[in-house]
């Protein structure tokens, strides 16, 4: 069977009711592809493009959809994705592409390597909340096996305005331990410290410096997110524990330097803190300045001493 033209792809999107699944379905349909979504949570049987089913216990209908598709996307949790590998690998048509959207790649990639997979396979990780949209935002991509079908899918992502960042599975997990696990851990720890100090949110926003206001905004977004998603980032990434330990060690180093070090020691600490930025330091500082300038037009209303919003 010959691979179809990119404009006529048929896609089976497993996990179609989740945020990532809905984003991909909408964008792929917008490109002219036919997308059928499979999810155990679907209840509307009137939509022919929605199939109620479980990829870990596939019905004949689920098997038929997977077997007839040019691409199969797993937008499901890691446990279910790992469990689905034998079924998906056996049912993929010869030219079909397998895609996952997992936030951790190394275990899934290793499992695919041990399987009988002969198809092209790529993992993607949108580095943003799907509600924000892909335009101007990065999507990490890990190619497990390329038999010629990976480029059309990654080109679609680029066509949506995303920046596709290619890397291998282990490097992906090490990098996201820093960009996601470390970042979220620092934000949540900041929030726990505020709670321990017993401070008031309205007072904080009224008197906040620009760095503090941005930190409060990050806390509100991350702390108000879906616990399952944020816990998976911390517990699922094999390098996340190392990132959290590095954060704890860094805070201990800061405390030790303040309490026992000299001014020169503190200056050295500040220099070391920006060493990872390399040649990105200056443009990032300018980005921060632009954000702080924009805060004047976006920050919450002031809070007066009587506790009333004005």
Protein backbone atom coordinates (compact mmCIF):
# COMPACT_ATOMS: atom_id res chain seq x y z
CA UNK A 1 0.00 0.00 0.00
CA UNK A 2 1.35 3.37 -0.97
CA UNK A 3 1.42 6.22 1.53
CA UNK A 4 -1.32 8.77 0.77
CA UNK A 5 -0.84 12.42 0.01
CA UNK A 6 -0.46 14.61 3.07
CA UNK A 7 -3.80 16.33 2.40
CA UNK A 8 -5.73 13.05 2.50
CA UNK A 9 -4.34 11.46 5.67
CA UNK A 10 -6.65 9.49 7.92
CA UNK A 11 -5.78 9.74 11.62
CA UNK A 12 -6.84 7.66 14.61
CA UNK A 13 -6.46 9.86 17.67
CA UNK A 14 -6.60 7.78 20.84
CA UNK A 15 -7.44 9.90 23.86
CA UNK A 16 -9.40 12.43 21.88
CA UNK A 17 -11.27 13.95 24.81
CA UNK A 18 -8.15 15.30 26.54
CA UNK A 19 -6.80 18.82 26.02
CA UNK A 20 -3.88 17.75 23.81
CA UNK A 21 -6.08 15.35 21.86
CA UNK A 22 -8.69 18.02 21.16
CA UNK A 23 -6.03 20.49 20.02
CA UNK A 24 -4.44 17.98 17.64
CA UNK A 25 -7.80 16.84 16.28
CA UNK A 26 -8.89 20.40 15.51
CA UNK A 27 -5.60 21.35 13.86
CA UNK A 28 -5.30 18.16 11.81
CA UNK A 29 -8.87 18.51 10.58
CA UNK A 30 -8.12 22.11 9.70
CA UNK A 31 -5.34 20.81 7.45
CA UNK A 32 -7.83 18.62 5.58
CA UNK A 33 -7.12 15.33 7.32
CA UNK A 34 -9.83 12.89 8.39
CA UNK A 35 -9.61 12.35 12.16
CA UNK A 36 -11.46 9.70 14.16
CA UNK A 37 -11.08 9.99 17.91
CA UNK A 38 -11.15 7.06 20.34
CA UNK A 39 -11.75 7.52 24.07
CA UNK A 40 -13.31 5.50 26.88
CA UNK A 41 -15.07 8.68 28.06
CA UNK A 42 -17.06 9.32 24.90
CA UNK A 43 -20.83 9.09 25.37
CA UNK A 44 -22.18 10.72 22.19
CA UNK A 45 -22.81 7.86 19.77
CA UNK A 46 -24.31 10.20 17.17
CA UNK A 47 -20.90 11.53 16.07
CA UNK A 48 -19.43 9.07 13.53
CA UNK A 49 -15.92 10.41 14.14
CA UNK A 50 -16.06 9.56 17.86
CA UNK A 51 -15.50 5.96 18.92
CA UNK A 52 -16.03 4.86 22.51
CA UNK A 53 -13.30 2.37 23.24
CA UNK A 54 -10.27 1.35 25.29
CA UNK A 55 -6.97 0.86 23.50
CA UNK A 56 -5.80 -1.48 26.28
CA UNK A 57 -8.86 -3.69 25.70
CA UNK A 58 -9.71 -2.95 22.08
CA UNK A 59 -13.08 -3.73 20.56
CA UNK A 60 -13.41 -4.83 16.92
CA UNK A 61 -14.39 -1.24 16.05
CA UNK A 62 -11.24 0.16 17.68
CA UNK A 63 -9.11 -2.43 15.87
CA UNK A 64 -10.69 -1.50 12.54
CA UNK A 65 -10.12 2.24 13.05
CA UNK A 66 -6.45 1.73 13.99
CA UNK A 67 -5.82 -0.70 11.13
CA UNK A 68 -7.32 1.62 8.51
CA UNK A 69 -5.51 4.80 9.59
CA UNK A 70 -2.47 6.46 8.07
CA UNK A 71 -1.42 7.78 11.48
CA UNK A 72 -2.21 6.65 15.01
CA UNK A 73 -1.73 9.19 17.80
CA UNK A 74 -1.57 8.11 21.43
CA UNK A 75 -2.70 11.11 23.50
CA UNK A 76 -3.13 9.03 26.66
CA UNK A 77 -1.27 8.55 29.98
CA UNK A 78 2.03 6.69 29.95
CA UNK A 79 0.72 3.53 31.62
CA UNK A 80 -2.00 3.07 29.03
CA UNK A 81 0.39 3.93 26.18
CA UNK A 82 2.90 1.30 27.32
CA UNK A 83 0.16 -1.29 27.72
CA UNK A 84 -1.19 -0.53 24.24
CA UNK A 85 2.09 -1.14 22.39
CA UNK A 86 1.56 -4.83 21.48
CA UNK A 87 -1.92 -4.14 20.10
CA UNK A 88 -0.99 -0.96 18.22
CA UNK A 89 2.18 -2.43 16.71
CA UNK A 90 0.27 -5.49 15.52
CA UNK A 91 -2.61 -3.50 14.01
CA UNK A 92 -0.75 -0.64 12.29
CA UNK A 93 -0.98 -0.71 8.51
CA UNK A 94 2.42 -0.99 6.79
CA UNK A 95 2.76 2.72 5.92
CA UNK A 96 1.18 4.13 9.09
CA UNK A 97 2.92 6.53 11.45
CA UNK A 98 2.76 6.08 15.24
CA UNK A 99 2.80 9.25 17.39
CA UNK A 100 2.75 9.72 21.15
CA UNK A 101 2.25 12.91 23.17
CA UNK A 102 3.83 11.72 26.43
CA UNK A 103 5.71 14.14 28.68
CA UNK A 104 8.32 11.41 29.34
CA UNK A 105 9.90 9.69 26.34
CA UNK A 106 12.67 7.33 27.48
CA UNK A 107 10.50 4.48 28.83
CA UNK A 108 8.10 4.52 25.88
CA UNK A 109 10.98 4.71 23.41
CA UNK A 110 12.73 1.76 25.06
CA UNK A 111 9.50 -0.26 25.00
CA UNK A 112 9.03 0.46 21.30
CA UNK A 113 12.62 -0.65 20.71
CA UNK A 114 11.84 -4.00 22.33
CA UNK A 115 8.64 -4.43 20.32
CA UNK A 116 8.13 -5.74 16.80
CA UNK A 117 7.57 -2.22 15.44
CA UNK A 118 8.52 -1.76 11.80
CA UNK A 119 6.68 1.52 11.26
CA UNK A 120 7.83 5.10 11.58
CA UNK A 121 7.29 6.43 15.09
CA UNK A 122 7.74 9.86 16.67
CA UNK A 123 6.99 11.33 20.07
CA UNK A 124 5.96 14.94 20.51
CA UNK A 125 5.62 17.07 23.64
CA UNK A 126 3.90 20.45 23.27
CA UNK A 127 5.77 22.72 25.70
CA UNK A 128 2.68 24.79 26.46
CA UNK A 129 -0.89 24.37 27.66
CA UNK A 130 -3.05 23.42 24.65
CA UNK A 131 -5.43 26.29 25.42
CA UNK A 132 -2.66 28.74 24.48
CA UNK A 133 -2.39 27.41 20.93
CA UNK A 134 0.75 26.29 19.06
CA UNK A 135 1.56 29.54 17.27
CA UNK A 136 5.04 30.72 18.20
CA UNK A 137 5.52 27.97 20.78
CA UNK A 138 7.96 25.02 20.90
CA UNK A 139 7.06 21.38 20.45
CA UNK A 140 9.74 18.84 21.38
CA UNK A 141 10.03 15.93 18.95
CA UNK A 142 11.73 12.56 19.47
CA UNK A 143 12.04 10.28 16.43
CA UNK A 144 12.11 6.64 17.52
CA UNK A 145 12.11 5.17 14.01
CA UNK A 146 11.85 6.94 10.67
CA UNK A 147 10.75 4.99 7.64
CA UNK A 148 9.89 8.17 5.78
CA UNK A 149 6.61 9.09 7.47
CA UNK A 150 7.84 11.39 10.25
CA UNK A 151 8.49 14.55 8.24
CA UNK A 152 4.92 15.06 7.06
CA UNK A 153 3.66 15.12 10.65
CA UNK A 154 6.40 17.41 11.97
CA UNK A 155 5.88 19.66 8.96
CA UNK A 156 2.24 19.93 9.98
CA UNK A 157 3.30 21.12 13.42
CA UNK A 158 5.59 23.71 11.84
CA UNK A 159 2.73 24.77 9.59
CA UNK A 160 0.70 25.64 12.67
CA UNK A 161 3.40 28.13 13.66
CA UNK A 162 5.20 25.91 16.16
CA UNK A 163 8.95 25.60 16.50
CA UNK A 164 9.79 21.88 16.33
CA UNK A 165 12.81 21.06 18.52
CA UNK A 166 14.28 17.65 17.70
CA UNK A 167 16.20 15.57 20.25
CA UNK A 168 16.62 11.99 21.43
CA UNK A 169 14.51 10.45 24.19
CA UNK A 170 17.00 10.65 27.06
CA UNK A 171 17.96 14.22 26.24
CA UNK A 172 14.27 15.12 26.09
CA UNK A 173 13.69 13.76 29.59
CA UNK A 174 16.78 15.46 31.01
CA UNK A 175 15.81 18.77 29.41
CA UNK A 176 12.18 18.64 30.55
CA UNK A 177 13.36 17.81 34.07
CA UNK A 178 14.78 21.35 33.98
CA UNK A 179 12.16 23.16 31.90
CA UNK A 180 9.14 21.56 33.56
CA UNK A 181 9.87 19.58 36.74
CA UNK A 182 12.41 22.06 38.17
CA UNK A 183 10.36 25.09 37.15
CA UNK A 184 7.12 23.77 38.62
CA UNK A 185 8.88 22.60 41.79
CA UNK A 186 10.35 26.05 42.32
CA UNK A 187 6.98 27.74 41.78
CA UNK A 188 5.10 25.37 44.10
CA UNK A 189 7.81 25.67 46.76
CA UNK A 190 7.50 29.46 46.51
CA UNK A 191 3.77 29.13 47.15
CA UNK A 192 4.30 26.81 50.12
CA UNK A 193 6.74 29.33 51.59
CA UNK A 194 4.19 32.13 51.21
CA UNK A 195 1.60 29.98 52.99
CA UNK A 196 4.10 29.27 55.78
CA UNK A 197 4.73 33.01 56.17
CA UNK A 198 1.00 33.65 56.47
CA UNK A 199 0.93 36.58 54.06
CA UNK A 200 -2.19 37.91 52.32
CA UNK A 201 -2.60 37.71 48.55
CA UNK A 202 -4.30 41.08 48.17
CA UNK A 203 -1.55 42.81 50.14
CA UNK A 204 1.10 41.01 48.12
CA UNK A 205 -0.35 42.12 44.79
CA UNK A 206 -0.79 45.69 46.05
CA UNK A 207 2.84 46.03 47.15
CA UNK A 208 4.48 43.58 44.73
CA UNK A 209 7.68 44.35 42.88
CA UNK A 210 7.57 43.29 39.22
CA UNK A 211 9.52 40.05 39.88
CA UNK A 212 7.18 39.18 42.74
CA UNK A 213 4.04 39.91 40.73
CA UNK A 214 5.23 37.67 37.90
CA UNK A 215 6.04 34.97 40.46
CA UNK A 216 2.54 35.28 41.93
CA UNK A 217 1.03 34.97 38.46
CA UNK A 218 3.09 31.82 37.80
CA UNK A 219 1.98 30.40 41.14
CA UNK A 220 -1.67 31.09 40.34
CA UNK A 221 -1.39 29.32 36.99
CA UNK A 222 0.65 26.30 38.07
CA UNK A 223 -0.98 25.90 41.48
CA UNK A 224 -4.40 26.18 39.87
CA UNK A 225 -3.63 23.50 37.28
CA UNK A 226 -4.70 19.86 37.09
CA UNK A 227 -2.95 17.97 39.93
CA UNK A 228 -2.67 14.75 37.88
CA UNK A 229 -0.78 16.54 35.12
CA UNK A 230 1.67 18.30 37.43
CA UNK A 231 2.23 15.22 39.59
CA UNK A 232 3.00 13.14 36.50
CA UNK A 233 5.67 15.66 35.51
CA UNK A 234 7.31 15.26 38.92
CA UNK A 235 6.85 11.52 39.40
CA UNK A 236 7.11 10.24 35.84
CA UNK A 237 10.34 11.88 34.67
CA UNK A 238 13.33 9.73 35.74
CA UNK A 239 15.47 12.86 36.12
CA UNK A 240 12.95 15.00 38.05
CA UNK A 241 14.23 13.85 41.44
CA UNK A 242 17.72 15.02 40.52
CA UNK A 243 16.26 18.40 39.54
CA UNK A 244 14.41 18.78 42.85
CA UNK A 245 17.52 17.83 44.81
CA UNK A 246 19.49 20.44 42.85
CA UNK A 247 16.86 23.03 43.82
CA UNK A 248 17.09 22.10 47.50
CA UNK A 249 20.90 22.18 47.37
CA UNK A 250 20.84 25.58 45.66
CA UNK A 251 18.61 27.05 48.36
CA UNK A 252 20.88 25.63 51.06
CA UNK A 253 23.88 27.18 49.27
CA UNK A 254 22.10 30.54 49.14
CA UNK A 255 21.33 30.38 52.87
CA UNK A 256 24.90 29.38 53.72
CA UNK A 257 26.33 32.20 51.58
CA UNK A 258 24.05 34.83 53.14
CA UNK A 259 24.68 33.70 56.71
CA UNK A 260 28.40 32.92 56.52
CA UNK A 261 29.78 34.35 53.29
CA UNK A 262 31.16 37.72 52.27
CA UNK A 263 29.93 40.24 49.72
CA UNK A 264 32.36 38.73 47.23
CA UNK A 265 30.93 35.28 47.94
CA UNK A 266 27.42 36.53 47.23
CA UNK A 267 28.55 38.24 44.03
CA UNK A 268 30.10 34.95 42.95
CA UNK A 269 26.85 33.14 43.75
CA UNK A 270 24.87 35.56 41.59
CA UNK A 271 27.30 35.06 38.74
CA UNK A 272 27.03 31.27 39.02
CA UNK A 273 23.24 31.53 39.07
CA UNK A 274 23.20 32.95 35.53
CA UNK A 275 26.00 30.79 34.11
CA UNK A 276 23.57 28.35 32.47
CA UNK A 277 22.09 31.15 30.37
CA UNK A 278 25.24 31.58 28.29
CA UNK A 279 24.77 33.96 25.36
CA UNK A 280 21.00 34.06 26.02
CA UNK A 281 21.49 36.19 29.14
CA UNK A 282 21.24 39.62 27.50
CA UNK A 283 18.17 38.93 25.30
CA UNK A 284 16.45 37.24 28.25
CA UNK A 285 17.11 40.29 30.41
CA UNK A 286 15.52 42.44 27.71
CA UNK A 287 12.55 40.07 27.54
CA UNK A 288 12.11 40.47 31.29
CA UNK A 289 12.27 44.25 31.00
CA UNK A 290 9.56 44.14 28.33
CA UNK A 291 7.37 41.93 30.54
CA UNK A 292 7.81 44.28 33.48
CA UNK A 293 6.88 47.27 31.32
CA UNK A 294 3.73 45.49 30.16
CA UNK A 295 2.74 44.70 33.75
CA UNK A 296 1.72 48.33 34.28
CA UNK A 297 -1.21 47.74 31.92
CA UNK A 298 -2.11 44.25 33.14
CA UNK A 299 -1.56 44.04 36.91
CA UNK A 300 -4.52 43.55 39.28
CA UNK A 301 -6.33 46.55 40.73
CA UNK A 302 -4.67 48.15 43.74
CA UNK A 303 -5.71 47.24 47.28
CA UNK A 304 -6.02 49.98 49.88
CA UNK A 305 -5.19 49.82 53.58
CA UNK A 306 -8.81 49.15 54.54
CA UNK A 307 -8.82 45.97 52.50
CA UNK A 308 -11.09 47.33 49.77
CA UNK A 309 -10.46 46.91 46.09
CA UNK A 310 -10.36 50.26 44.32
